[in-house]
Protein backbone atom coordinates (compact mmCIF):
# COMPACT_ATOMS: atom_id res chain seq x y z
CA UNK A 1 -22.48 -10.18 0.66
CA UNK A 2 -24.09 -6.78 0.35
CA UNK A 3 -23.82 -6.15 4.09
CA UNK A 4 -20.12 -7.05 4.17
CA UNK A 5 -19.49 -4.74 1.23
CA UNK A 6 -21.35 -1.91 2.98
CA UNK A 7 -19.21 -2.43 6.08
CA UNK A 8 -16.03 -2.25 3.98
CA UNK A 9 -17.09 0.96 2.29
CA UNK A 10 -18.23 2.35 5.64
CA UNK A 11 -14.79 1.78 7.15
CA UNK A 12 -13.21 3.31 4.06
CA UNK A 13 -15.31 6.48 4.25
CA UNK A 14 -14.62 6.82 7.98
CA UNK A 15 -10.94 6.58 7.13
CA UNK A 16 -11.43 9.26 4.48
CA UNK A 17 -13.07 11.59 7.02
CA UNK A 18 -10.23 11.06 9.50
CA UNK A 19 -7.60 11.81 6.84
CA UNK A 20 -9.51 14.95 5.79
CA UNK A 21 -9.66 16.21 9.38
CA UNK A 22 -5.97 15.45 9.86
CA UNK A 23 -4.97 17.31 6.68
CA UNK A 24 -7.34 20.25 6.80
CA UNK A 25 -8.27 20.48 10.48
CA UNK A 26 -5.88 23.36 11.07
CA UNK A 27 -7.54 25.37 8.31
CA UNK A 28 -10.92 24.63 9.88
CA UNK A 29 -9.79 26.09 13.19
CA UNK A 30 -9.02 22.74 14.83
CA UNK A 31 -5.86 22.24 16.85
CA UNK A 32 -4.34 18.86 17.57
CA UNK A 33 -1.53 18.04 19.97
CA UNK A 34 1.17 15.53 19.16
CA UNK A 35 0.00 11.99 19.86
CA UNK A 36 -3.67 12.96 19.71
CA UNK A 37 -6.59 10.69 18.86
CA UNK A 38 -6.75 11.87 15.24
CA UNK A 39 -3.13 10.87 14.61
CA UNK A 40 -3.83 7.49 16.18
CA UNK A 41 -6.89 6.97 13.98
CA UNK A 42 -4.95 7.98 10.85
CA UNK A 43 -2.65 5.04 11.57
CA UNK A 44 -5.33 2.67 12.86
CA UNK A 45 -7.98 2.87 10.13
CA UNK A 46 -5.80 1.64 7.23
CA UNK A 47 -4.81 -1.33 9.41
CA UNK A 48 -8.44 -2.06 10.27
CA UNK A 49 -9.34 -1.79 6.59
CA UNK A 50 -6.46 -4.13 5.67
CA UNK A 51 -7.68 -6.76 8.13
CA UNK A 52 -11.38 -6.60 7.21
CA UNK A 53 -10.75 -6.33 3.45
CA UNK A 54 -8.23 -9.18 3.30
CA UNK A 55 -10.35 -11.47 5.47
CA UNK A 56 -13.36 -10.94 3.21
CA UNK A 57 -11.76 -10.97 -0.23
CA UNK A 58 -9.07 -13.59 0.41
CA UNK A 59 -10.55 -15.56 3.37
CA UNK A 60 -9.64 -15.41 7.04
CA UNK A 61 -6.70 -17.81 6.82
CA UNK A 62 -5.27 -16.30 3.63
CA UNK A 63 -5.69 -12.79 5.00
CA UNK A 64 -3.79 -13.75 8.15
CA UNK A 65 -1.12 -15.41 6.02
CA UNK A 66 -0.65 -12.33 3.83
CA UNK A 67 -0.46 -9.93 6.78
CA UNK A 68 2.01 -12.09 8.71
CA UNK A 69 4.08 -12.76 5.59
CA UNK A 70 4.35 -9.09 4.59
CA UNK A 71 4.96 -7.84 8.12
CA UNK A 72 7.60 -10.49 8.84
CA UNK A 73 9.57 -9.93 5.64
CA UNK A 74 9.20 -6.17 6.02
CA UNK A 75 10.52 -6.38 9.58
CA UNK A 76 13.54 -8.49 8.59
CA UNK A 77 14.39 -6.05 5.78
CA UNK A 78 14.03 -3.04 8.09
CA UNK A 79 16.12 -4.71 10.82
CA UNK A 80 18.93 -5.40 8.35
CA UNK A 81 18.69 -1.90 6.94
CA UNK A 82 18.78 -0.21 10.35
CA UNK A 83 21.61 -2.27 11.79
CA UNK A 84 23.80 -3.12 8.80
CA UNK A 85 22.94 -0.58 6.11
CA UNK A 86 21.99 -3.27 3.61
CA UNK A 87 18.78 -3.84 1.60
CA UNK A 88 17.87 -0.15 1.25
CA UNK A 89 21.10 1.34 -0.05
CA UNK A 90 22.40 2.91 3.15
CA UNK A 91 21.97 3.26 6.88
CA UNK A 92 19.12 5.22 8.41
CA UNK A 93 17.51 5.84 11.78
CA UNK A 94 13.88 6.21 12.75
CA UNK A 95 12.44 8.79 15.09
CA UNK A 96 12.27 7.03 18.50
CA UNK A 97 8.96 5.23 18.98
CA UNK A 98 7.25 3.91 22.11
CA UNK A 99 6.13 0.86 20.13
CA UNK A 100 9.03 -0.78 18.33
CA UNK A 101 10.64 -4.18 17.79
CA UNK A 102 14.46 -4.05 17.82
CA UNK A 103 14.23 -0.32 17.00
CA UNK A 104 11.86 -0.90 14.08
CA UNK A 105 8.61 1.03 14.76
CA UNK A 106 5.60 -1.27 14.93
CA UNK A 107 3.74 1.01 12.52
CA UNK A 108 6.47 0.51 9.90
CA UNK A 109 6.23 -3.26 10.26
CA UNK A 110 2.45 -3.27 9.85
CA UNK A 111 2.42 -0.77 7.00
CA UNK A 112 4.58 -3.09 4.94
CA UNK A 113 1.48 -5.28 4.93
CA UNK A 114 -0.81 -2.32 4.18
CA UNK A 115 1.24 -1.12 1.22
CA UNK A 116 1.98 -4.52 -0.32
CA UNK A 117 -1.64 -5.63 0.07
CA UNK A 118 -2.72 -2.43 -1.67
CA UNK A 119 -0.38 -3.14 -4.57
CA UNK A 120 -1.50 -6.76 -4.73
CA UNK A 121 -5.19 -5.75 -4.87
CA UNK A 122 -4.66 -3.08 -7.51
CA UNK A 123 -2.78 -5.41 -9.86
CA UNK A 124 -5.32 -8.18 -9.22
CA UNK A 125 -8.14 -5.79 -10.11
CA UNK A 126 -6.42 -5.02 -13.42
CA UNK A 127 -6.55 -8.74 -14.21
CA UNK A 128 -10.28 -8.92 -13.53
CA UNK A 129 -11.12 -5.77 -15.51
CA UNK A 130 -9.23 -7.30 -18.45
CA UNK A 131 -11.32 -10.45 -18.14
CA UNK A 132 -8.54 -12.65 -16.78
CA UNK A 133 -8.24 -14.71 -13.62
CA UNK A 134 -5.23 -14.98 -11.34
CA UNK A 135 -2.77 -17.61 -12.60
CA UNK A 136 -3.33 -20.96 -10.92
CA UNK A 137 -2.51 -24.62 -11.31
CA UNK A 138 -5.71 -25.21 -13.28
CA UNK A 139 -5.42 -22.49 -15.93
CA UNK A 140 -1.63 -23.07 -16.06
CA UNK A 141 -0.79 -19.41 -16.75
CA UNK A 142 2.34 -19.44 -14.63
CA UNK A 143 4.19 -17.50 -17.35
CA UNK A 144 2.12 -14.45 -16.34
CA UNK A 145 3.32 -14.57 -12.74
CA UNK A 146 6.66 -12.76 -13.24
CA UNK A 147 4.94 -9.85 -15.00
CA UNK A 148 2.23 -9.65 -12.33
CA UNK A 149 4.81 -9.74 -9.52
CA UNK A 150 6.87 -7.00 -11.17
CA UNK A 151 3.72 -4.89 -11.53
CA UNK A 152 2.92 -5.48 -7.85
CA UNK A 153 6.39 -4.29 -6.91
CA UNK A 154 6.25 -1.10 -8.97
CA UNK A 155 2.82 -0.12 -7.62
CA UNK A 156 4.26 -0.41 -4.09
CA UNK A 157 7.48 1.35 -5.10
CA UNK A 158 5.52 4.38 -6.33
CA UNK A 159 4.19 4.86 -2.79
CA UNK A 160 7.71 5.15 -1.38
CA UNK A 161 8.87 7.46 -4.15
CA UNK A 162 6.24 9.94 -2.92
CA UNK A 163 6.19 9.14 0.80
CA UNK A 164 9.86 8.79 1.70
CA UNK A 165 10.95 12.38 0.90
CA UNK A 166 8.06 13.73 3.00
CA UNK A 167 8.98 11.54 5.96
CA UNK A 168 12.64 12.53 5.69
CA UNK A 169 11.72 16.21 5.49
CA UNK A 170 9.49 15.99 8.57
CA UNK A 171 11.98 13.92 10.58
CA UNK A 172 10.18 10.58 10.51
CA UNK A 173 13.51 8.98 9.63
CA UNK A 174 16.96 10.17 8.59
CA UNK A 175 19.42 8.81 6.05
CA UNK A 176 22.86 9.13 7.64
CA UNK A 177 24.72 9.65 4.36
CA UNK A 178 21.96 11.38 2.42
CA UNK A 179 21.32 10.51 -1.19
CA UNK A 180 20.57 11.63 -4.74
CA UNK A 181 16.77 11.67 -4.60
CA UNK A 182 15.54 14.30 -2.12
CA UNK A 183 18.43 13.32 0.18
CA UNK A 184 17.55 9.62 -0.13
CA UNK A 185 19.86 7.00 -1.72
CA UNK A 186 18.50 5.46 -4.90
CA UNK A 187 19.33 2.05 -3.45
CA UNK A 188 16.42 2.55 -1.06
CA UNK A 189 13.97 2.28 -3.92
CA UNK A 190 15.69 -0.77 -5.35
CA UNK A 191 15.31 -2.31 -1.90
CA UNK A 192 11.63 -1.39 -1.71
CA UNK A 193 11.01 -2.95 -5.11
CA UNK A 194 12.85 -6.16 -4.22
CA UNK A 195 11.23 -6.56 -0.78
CA UNK A 196 7.74 -5.92 -2.17
CA UNK A 197 8.33 -8.41 -4.98
CA UNK A 198 9.57 -11.07 -2.54
CA UNK A 199 6.42 -10.69 -0.44
CA UNK A 200 3.96 -10.88 -3.32
CA UNK A 201 5.88 -13.60 -5.16
CA UNK A 202 5.57 -15.93 -2.16
CA UNK A 203 1.87 -15.20 -1.79
CA UNK A 204 1.07 -15.42 -5.50
CA UNK A 205 2.96 -18.70 -5.80
CA UNK A 206 0.94 -19.99 -2.86
CA UNK A 207 -2.24 -18.87 -4.65
CA UNK A 208 -1.04 -20.52 -7.85
CA UNK A 209 -0.62 -23.96 -6.30
CA UNK A 210 -3.48 -23.62 -3.82
CA UNK A 211 -6.12 -21.48 -5.56
CA UNK A 212 -9.17 -20.41 -3.63
CA UNK A 213 -12.18 -22.56 -4.43
CA UNK A 214 -15.02 -20.94 -6.35
CA UNK A 215 -14.99 -17.88 -8.58
CA UNK A 216 -14.82 -14.34 -7.25
CA UNK A 217 -18.25 -12.69 -7.01
CA UNK A 218 -19.00 -9.26 -8.43
CA UNK A 219 -19.25 -7.95 -4.86
CA UNK A 220 -15.73 -9.16 -4.16
CA UNK A 221 -14.51 -7.60 -7.40
CA UNK A 222 -16.14 -4.26 -6.61
CA UNK A 223 -14.42 -4.33 -3.21
CA UNK A 224 -11.10 -4.23 -5.07
CA UNK A 225 -11.91 -0.62 -5.96
CA UNK A 226 -11.38 0.35 -2.31
CA UNK A 227 -7.57 -0.10 -2.51
CA UNK A 228 -7.57 1.59 -5.93
CA UNK A 229 -9.39 4.69 -4.67
CA UNK A 230 -7.39 4.58 -1.45
CA UNK A 231 -4.20 4.62 -3.52
CA UNK A 232 -5.38 7.74 -5.32
CA UNK A 233 -6.38 9.45 -2.08
CA UNK A 234 -2.98 8.53 -0.65
CA UNK A 235 -1.36 10.29 -3.60
CA UNK A 236 -3.39 13.46 -3.03
CA UNK A 237 -2.66 13.30 0.70
CA UNK A 238 1.07 13.10 -0.03
CA UNK A 239 0.70 15.93 -2.55
CA UNK A 240 -0.94 18.18 0.04
CA UNK A 241 1.83 17.44 2.55
CA UNK A 242 4.50 18.10 -0.09
CA UNK A 243 2.88 21.42 -1.02
CA UNK A 244 2.88 22.46 2.64
CA UNK A 245 6.58 21.58 2.79
CA UNK A 246 7.20 23.51 -0.45
CA UNK A 247 8.44 20.39 -2.21
CA UNK A 248 6.84 21.30 -5.53
CA UNK A 249 9.07 19.04 -7.63
CA UNK A 250 8.06 16.10 -5.47
CA UNK A 251 4.38 16.87 -6.06
CA UNK A 252 4.90 16.54 -9.81
CA UNK A 253 6.99 13.37 -9.57
CA UNK A 254 4.71 11.73 -7.01
CA UNK A 255 1.48 12.37 -8.87
CA UNK A 256 3.04 11.19 -12.13
CA UNK A 257 4.07 7.84 -10.64
CA UNK A 258 0.86 7.16 -8.69
CA UNK A 259 -2.15 8.69 -10.44
CA UNK A 260 -1.88 6.97 -13.87
CA UNK A 261 -2.39 3.61 -12.13
CA UNK A 262 -5.63 4.87 -10.60
CA UNK A 263 -6.94 6.56 -13.75
CA UNK A 264 -6.26 3.56 -16.01
CA UNK A 265 -7.79 1.21 -13.46
CA UNK A 266 -10.99 3.25 -13.22
CA UNK A 267 -11.28 3.41 -17.02
CA UNK A 268 -10.85 -0.36 -17.33
CA UNK A 269 -13.38 -0.89 -14.54
CA UNK A 270 -15.92 1.24 -16.43
CA UNK A 271 -15.31 -0.74 -19.62
CA UNK A 272 -15.66 -3.99 -17.68
CA UNK A 273 -19.01 -2.91 -16.23
CA UNK A 274 -20.19 -1.78 -19.66
CA UNK A 275 -19.38 -5.18 -21.19
CA UNK A 276 -21.00 -7.10 -18.34
CA UNK A 277 -24.10 -5.02 -17.77
CA UNK A 278 -27.36 -6.88 -18.04
């Protein structure tokens, strides 16, 4: 178990280094061309981390199920949004990509899995730090599921509240009719919340009726801090990009919606360790 945990943290720290180079490389005298290796690694490492982390903490089959579930539902939502202007409150177009499925960039499809898995792990970690297990058919705490699923959705939504304005500003995608929130329709965020909740509700219901055998080890629980810390680093990465784009109001809004989740989680983790120390 220790070796697997070391591998997970190793991948995470490599990802951190890549993100640092991507953000601050220019200030260190480094110059990168469009489509360079660093940009590729910035996209690749979170996906690698998603795969390894989910396979270890959930199991191989459950990890595959989550990734396919999230990517498939994310793709369907994006396809409907791109072609019919539904789901996300308006019609939008992505910057042309060499790797796309029916005009939906492959990276967007996969990152639906990355973001929803991050939200799922963060909310799950809150349960463990509070001394509770995930609802299942044996503990019969199904009444908790709606609250957990809503929390999952809002953790994922916070990512888009910070990320979407940056992507629009830099031309990653364009909303054809603009909108009220940094030129983005508010319906987009309703759509993000609903899609994220659909994904996690299916998976959490599956976990409820088919819970994983055996209790989660402390090593597995500590691995849940990787998505938590990654969520915080994502917030600071977005903040740096927003500052560069002179979107100061977005910096304030984004940090307010993302950082409290991280801070509270870390505090609860410390209290959990204090109560369970030998």
